[in-house]
Amino acid sequence: MSSLSATVGSLAVAVGQREGADSSAFALALVFAAVVMYDASGIRWHTGRQAALLNQIVCEFPAEHPIISTFRPLREPLGHSPLQVFAGALVGCAVAYFMGKSV
């Protein structure tokens, strides 16, 4: 589950409850949440997959290749799967909704 998606999802719901769904603040929070979730599930996830492929390619180089002596493996676990982002957003929105109703 993506905690960042939960955070921006809860922010959007809280702003929507406080300012109203027709406010510019809610629209801004919604766009912010969409950009953050797209980054978490799309761009960073694909970057992690590319890092894994690059690590695999470098491992297949011969031992005497000049890059082998200075190569540090790239970090592979970047970003979240779309399901993790969705789950985080769902939890964040639900928590903010019920917290807003209890106040």
N, C-alpha and C. Protein backbone atom coordinates (compact mmCIF):
# COMPACT_ATOMS: atom_id res chain seq x y z
N MET A 1 0.85 -1.18 0.00
CA MET A 1 0.00 0.00 0.00
C MET A 1 0.90 1.24 0.00
N SER A 2 0.51 2.21 -0.77
CA SER A 2 1.29 3.44 -0.90
C SER A 2 0.83 4.47 0.14
N SER A 3 1.73 4.78 1.07
CA SER A 3 1.37 5.77 2.10
C SER A 3 1.28 7.17 1.50
N LEU A 4 2.05 7.43 0.46
CA LEU A 4 1.99 8.74 -0.19
C LEU A 4 0.63 8.93 -0.87
N SER A 5 0.12 7.88 -1.50
CA SER A 5 -1.21 7.97 -2.11
C SER A 5 -2.28 8.14 -1.05
N ALA A 6 -2.11 7.48 0.08
CA ALA A 6 -3.06 7.65 1.18
C ALA A 6 -3.05 9.09 1.68
N THR A 7 -1.88 9.68 1.76
CA THR A 7 -1.76 11.05 2.25
C THR A 7 -2.44 12.04 1.31
N VAL A 8 -2.13 11.96 0.02
CA VAL A 8 -2.72 12.93 -0.91
C VAL A 8 -4.20 12.66 -1.13
N GLY A 9 -4.61 11.39 -1.04
CA GLY A 9 -6.03 11.07 -1.14
C GLY A 9 -6.80 11.65 0.03
N SER A 10 -6.25 11.50 1.23
CA SER A 10 -6.92 12.05 2.41
C SER A 10 -6.93 13.58 2.38
N LEU A 11 -5.86 14.17 1.84
CA LEU A 11 -5.83 15.63 1.70
C LEU A 11 -6.96 16.11 0.80
N ALA A 12 -7.14 15.44 -0.33
CA ALA A 12 -8.19 15.85 -1.27
C ALA A 12 -9.57 15.72 -0.64
N VAL A 13 -9.82 14.62 0.06
CA VAL A 13 -11.13 14.43 0.70
C VAL A 13 -11.35 15.47 1.81
N ALA A 14 -10.33 15.71 2.62
CA ALA A 14 -10.46 16.68 3.71
C ALA A 14 -10.73 18.08 3.17
N VAL A 15 -10.02 18.47 2.12
CA VAL A 15 -10.25 19.79 1.52
C VAL A 15 -11.65 19.85 0.91
N GLY A 16 -12.07 18.76 0.27
CA GLY A 16 -13.41 18.71 -0.31
C GLY A 16 -14.49 18.84 0.73
N GLN A 17 -14.31 18.21 1.88
CA GLN A 17 -15.30 18.30 2.95
C GLN A 17 -15.33 19.70 3.57
N ARG A 18 -14.17 20.28 3.71
CA ARG A 18 -14.08 21.58 4.39
C ARG A 18 -14.46 22.74 3.47
N GLU A 19 -13.95 22.72 2.25
CA GLU A 19 -14.15 23.86 1.34
C GLU A 19 -15.29 23.64 0.34
N GLY A 20 -15.70 22.39 0.16
CA GLY A 20 -16.75 22.08 -0.80
C GLY A 20 -16.16 21.54 -2.10
N ALA A 21 -16.93 20.69 -2.75
CA ALA A 21 -16.46 20.04 -3.98
C ALA A 21 -16.36 21.01 -5.16
N ASP A 22 -16.97 22.18 -5.04
CA ASP A 22 -16.92 23.15 -6.15
C ASP A 22 -15.86 24.23 -5.93
N SER A 23 -15.00 24.06 -4.93
CA SER A 23 -13.99 25.08 -4.64
C SER A 23 -12.73 24.86 -5.46
N SER A 24 -12.00 25.94 -5.65
CA SER A 24 -10.73 25.84 -6.38
C SER A 24 -9.68 25.11 -5.55
N ALA A 25 -9.77 25.19 -4.23
CA ALA A 25 -8.82 24.48 -3.35
C ALA A 25 -8.99 22.97 -3.52
N PHE A 26 -10.24 22.51 -3.64
CA PHE A 26 -10.48 21.08 -3.85
C PHE A 26 -9.96 20.64 -5.21
N ALA A 27 -10.17 21.46 -6.23
CA ALA A 27 -9.67 21.13 -7.57
C ALA A 27 -8.15 21.02 -7.55
N LEU A 28 -7.50 21.94 -6.87
CA LEU A 28 -6.04 21.92 -6.77
C LEU A 28 -5.57 20.67 -6.01
N ALA A 29 -6.23 20.33 -4.92
CA ALA A 29 -5.87 19.13 -4.15
C ALA A 29 -6.07 17.87 -4.97
N LEU A 30 -7.12 17.84 -5.78
CA LEU A 30 -7.40 16.69 -6.63
C LEU A 30 -6.34 16.52 -7.71
N VAL A 31 -5.95 17.62 -8.33
CA VAL A 31 -4.89 17.57 -9.36
C VAL A 31 -3.57 17.16 -8.72
N PHE A 32 -3.27 17.71 -7.55
CA PHE A 32 -2.04 17.35 -6.84
C PHE A 32 -2.02 15.85 -6.53
N ALA A 33 -3.14 15.32 -6.06
CA ALA A 33 -3.23 13.90 -5.75
C ALA A 33 -3.04 13.06 -7.01
N ALA A 34 -3.64 13.48 -8.11
CA ALA A 34 -3.50 12.72 -9.36
C ALA A 34 -2.05 12.70 -9.85
N VAL A 35 -1.38 13.83 -9.76
CA VAL A 35 0.03 13.90 -10.20
C VAL A 35 0.91 13.01 -9.32
N VAL A 36 0.72 13.07 -8.02
CA VAL A 36 1.53 12.26 -7.10
C VAL A 36 1.28 10.77 -7.33
N MET A 37 0.04 10.38 -7.51
CA MET A 37 -0.28 8.97 -7.74
C MET A 37 0.24 8.49 -9.09
N TYR A 38 0.17 9.34 -10.10
CA TYR A 38 0.72 8.98 -11.41
C TYR A 38 2.23 8.78 -11.31
N ASP A 39 2.89 9.66 -10.58
CA ASP A 39 4.33 9.53 -10.40
C ASP A 39 4.68 8.24 -9.66
N ALA A 40 3.94 7.93 -8.61
CA ALA A 40 4.25 6.74 -7.80
C ALA A 40 4.04 5.45 -8.58
N SER A 41 2.97 5.40 -9.37
CA SER A 41 2.67 4.15 -10.06
C SER A 41 3.24 4.08 -11.46
N GLY A 42 3.48 5.18 -12.08
CA GLY A 42 3.93 5.16 -13.46
C GLY A 42 5.41 5.39 -13.60
N ILE A 43 5.82 6.61 -13.39
CA ILE A 43 7.19 7.01 -13.68
C ILE A 43 8.20 6.28 -12.80
N ARG A 44 8.02 6.31 -11.49
CA ARG A 44 9.01 5.68 -10.60
C ARG A 44 9.00 4.17 -10.73
N TRP A 45 7.83 3.56 -10.97
CA TRP A 45 7.75 2.11 -11.11
C TRP A 45 8.51 1.67 -12.36
N HIS A 46 8.32 2.39 -13.46
CA HIS A 46 9.04 2.05 -14.69
C HIS A 46 10.53 2.31 -14.56
N THR A 47 10.90 3.33 -13.81
CA THR A 47 12.32 3.60 -13.56
C THR A 47 12.96 2.42 -12.82
N GLY A 48 12.26 1.85 -11.87
CA GLY A 48 12.76 0.68 -11.16
C GLY A 48 12.93 -0.52 -12.07
N ARG A 49 12.02 -0.70 -12.99
CA ARG A 49 12.14 -1.81 -13.95
C ARG A 49 13.34 -1.61 -14.87
N GLN A 50 13.58 -0.37 -15.29
CA GLN A 50 14.75 -0.08 -16.12
C GLN A 50 16.04 -0.31 -15.34
N ALA A 51 16.05 0.04 -14.06
CA ALA A 51 17.23 -0.19 -13.23
C ALA A 51 17.54 -1.68 -13.13
N ALA A 52 16.52 -2.50 -13.00
CA ALA A 52 16.72 -3.95 -12.93
C ALA A 52 17.33 -4.48 -14.22
N LEU A 53 16.84 -3.99 -15.35
CA LEU A 53 17.39 -4.43 -16.64
C LEU A 53 18.83 -3.98 -16.82
N LEU A 54 19.13 -2.75 -16.42
CA LEU A 54 20.51 -2.27 -16.53
C LEU A 54 21.45 -3.06 -15.63
N ASN A 55 21.01 -3.38 -14.43
CA ASN A 55 21.83 -4.21 -13.54
C ASN A 55 22.11 -5.57 -14.17
N GLN A 56 21.09 -6.14 -14.78
CA GLN A 56 21.24 -7.45 -15.43
C GLN A 56 22.21 -7.37 -16.60
N ILE A 57 22.11 -6.32 -17.39
CA ILE A 57 23.01 -6.14 -18.54
C ILE A 57 24.45 -6.03 -18.09
N VAL A 58 24.70 -5.22 -17.07
CA VAL A 58 26.06 -5.01 -16.59
C VAL A 58 26.63 -6.30 -15.99
N CYS A 59 25.78 -7.10 -15.34
CA CYS A 59 26.26 -8.37 -14.77
C CYS A 59 26.72 -9.34 -15.85
N GLU A 60 26.24 -9.18 -17.06
CA GLU A 60 26.63 -10.06 -18.16
C GLU A 60 27.89 -9.59 -18.87
N PHE A 61 28.43 -8.44 -18.49
CA PHE A 61 29.70 -7.98 -19.06
C PHE A 61 30.83 -8.89 -18.61
N PRO A 62 31.87 -9.03 -19.42
CA PRO A 62 33.03 -9.81 -18.97
C PRO A 62 33.72 -9.12 -17.79
N ALA A 63 34.40 -9.88 -16.97
CA ALA A 63 35.04 -9.35 -15.75
C ALA A 63 36.08 -8.29 -16.04
N GLU A 64 36.70 -8.32 -17.21
CA GLU A 64 37.75 -7.35 -17.53
C GLU A 64 37.19 -6.05 -18.13
N HIS A 65 35.89 -5.94 -18.26
CA HIS A 65 35.29 -4.71 -18.81
C HIS A 65 35.57 -3.55 -17.85
N PRO A 66 35.93 -2.36 -18.37
CA PRO A 66 36.30 -1.24 -17.50
C PRO A 66 35.20 -0.77 -16.55
N ILE A 67 33.97 -0.93 -16.93
CA ILE A 67 32.89 -0.43 -16.06
C ILE A 67 32.69 -1.31 -14.83
N ILE A 68 33.10 -2.55 -14.88
CA ILE A 68 32.88 -3.48 -13.77
C ILE A 68 33.57 -3.01 -12.49
N SER A 69 34.74 -2.41 -12.61
CA SER A 69 35.48 -2.00 -11.42
C SER A 69 34.83 -0.82 -10.69
N THR A 70 34.05 -0.01 -11.39
CA THR A 70 33.44 1.17 -10.76
C THR A 70 31.93 1.07 -10.63
N PHE A 71 31.35 0.00 -11.12
CA PHE A 71 29.88 -0.10 -11.16
C PHE A 71 29.31 -0.42 -9.78
N ARG A 72 28.32 0.37 -9.40
CA ARG A 72 27.52 0.12 -8.20
C ARG A 72 26.11 -0.20 -8.67
N PRO A 73 25.53 -1.33 -8.28
CA PRO A 73 24.19 -1.67 -8.75
C PRO A 73 23.17 -0.57 -8.45
N LEU A 74 22.26 -0.36 -9.38
CA LEU A 74 21.22 0.64 -9.22
C LEU A 74 20.13 0.12 -8.30
N ARG A 75 19.48 1.02 -7.58
CA ARG A 75 18.35 0.64 -6.72
C ARG A 75 17.18 0.25 -7.60
N GLU A 76 16.62 -0.91 -7.35
CA GLU A 76 15.52 -1.41 -8.17
C GLU A 76 14.13 -1.16 -7.60
N PRO A 77 13.94 -1.29 -6.30
CA PRO A 77 12.56 -1.15 -5.79
C PRO A 77 12.13 0.32 -5.72
N LEU A 78 11.71 0.87 -6.84
CA LEU A 78 11.23 2.25 -6.88
C LEU A 78 9.75 2.25 -7.22
N GLY A 79 9.01 3.13 -6.61
CA GLY A 79 7.60 3.28 -6.95
C GLY A 79 6.73 2.15 -6.43
N HIS A 80 5.47 2.18 -6.84
CA HIS A 80 4.49 1.21 -6.40
C HIS A 80 3.74 0.67 -7.61
N SER A 81 3.15 -0.49 -7.44
CA SER A 81 2.29 -1.03 -8.49
C SER A 81 0.97 -0.23 -8.48
N PRO A 82 0.24 -0.25 -9.58
CA PRO A 82 -1.05 0.47 -9.59
C PRO A 82 -2.01 -0.01 -8.49
N LEU A 83 -1.97 -1.29 -8.17
CA LEU A 83 -2.84 -1.80 -7.10
C LEU A 83 -2.46 -1.21 -5.74
N GLN A 84 -1.17 -1.08 -5.48
CA GLN A 84 -0.71 -0.48 -4.22
C GLN A 84 -1.13 0.98 -4.13
N VAL A 85 -1.04 1.69 -5.24
CA VAL A 85 -1.45 3.11 -5.26
C VAL A 85 -2.95 3.22 -5.03
N PHE A 86 -3.72 2.37 -5.68
CA PHE A 86 -5.18 2.39 -5.51
C PHE A 86 -5.56 2.08 -4.07
N ALA A 87 -4.93 1.06 -3.49
CA ALA A 87 -5.23 0.68 -2.10
C ALA A 87 -4.89 1.82 -1.14
N GLY A 88 -3.76 2.46 -1.34
CA GLY A 88 -3.38 3.58 -0.50
C GLY A 88 -4.36 4.74 -0.60
N ALA A 89 -4.75 5.06 -1.83
CA ALA A 89 -5.71 6.14 -2.03
C ALA A 89 -7.06 5.81 -1.39
N LEU A 90 -7.48 4.58 -1.53
CA LEU A 90 -8.76 4.15 -0.96
C LEU A 90 -8.75 4.27 0.57
N VAL A 91 -7.69 3.79 1.19
CA VAL A 91 -7.57 3.88 2.65
C VAL A 91 -7.51 5.34 3.10
N GLY A 92 -6.70 6.14 2.42
CA GLY A 92 -6.58 7.55 2.79
C GLY A 92 -7.89 8.30 2.66
N CYS A 93 -8.60 8.06 1.57
CA CYS A 93 -9.90 8.73 1.37
C CYS A 93 -10.91 8.29 2.42
N ALA A 94 -10.93 7.00 2.74
CA ALA A 94 -11.88 6.50 3.73
C ALA A 94 -11.58 7.07 5.12
N VAL A 95 -10.32 7.10 5.49
CA VAL A 95 -9.95 7.64 6.81
C VAL A 95 -10.33 9.12 6.90
N ALA A 96 -10.01 9.89 5.88
CA ALA A 96 -10.34 11.32 5.91
C ALA A 96 -11.84 11.53 5.94
N TYR A 97 -12.59 10.73 5.19
CA TYR A 97 -14.04 10.86 5.16
C TYR A 97 -14.64 10.61 6.54
N PHE A 98 -14.24 9.51 7.17
CA PHE A 98 -14.81 9.17 8.47
C PHE A 98 -14.30 10.09 9.58
N MET A 99 -13.08 10.57 9.46
CA MET A 99 -12.57 11.54 10.44
C MET A 99 -13.33 12.86 10.32
N GLY A 100 -13.64 13.25 9.09
CA GLY A 100 -14.38 14.49 8.87
C GLY A 100 -15.81 14.39 9.37
N LYS A 101 -16.40 13.21 9.29
CA LYS A 101 -17.77 13.01 9.76
C LYS A 101 -17.85 12.99 11.28
N SER A 102 -16.75 12.61 11.93
CA SER A 102 -16.78 12.51 13.40
C SER A 102 -16.51 13.84 14.10
N VAL A 103 -16.06 14.84 13.35
CA VAL A 103 -15.74 16.13 13.96
C VAL A 103 -16.93 17.04 13.97
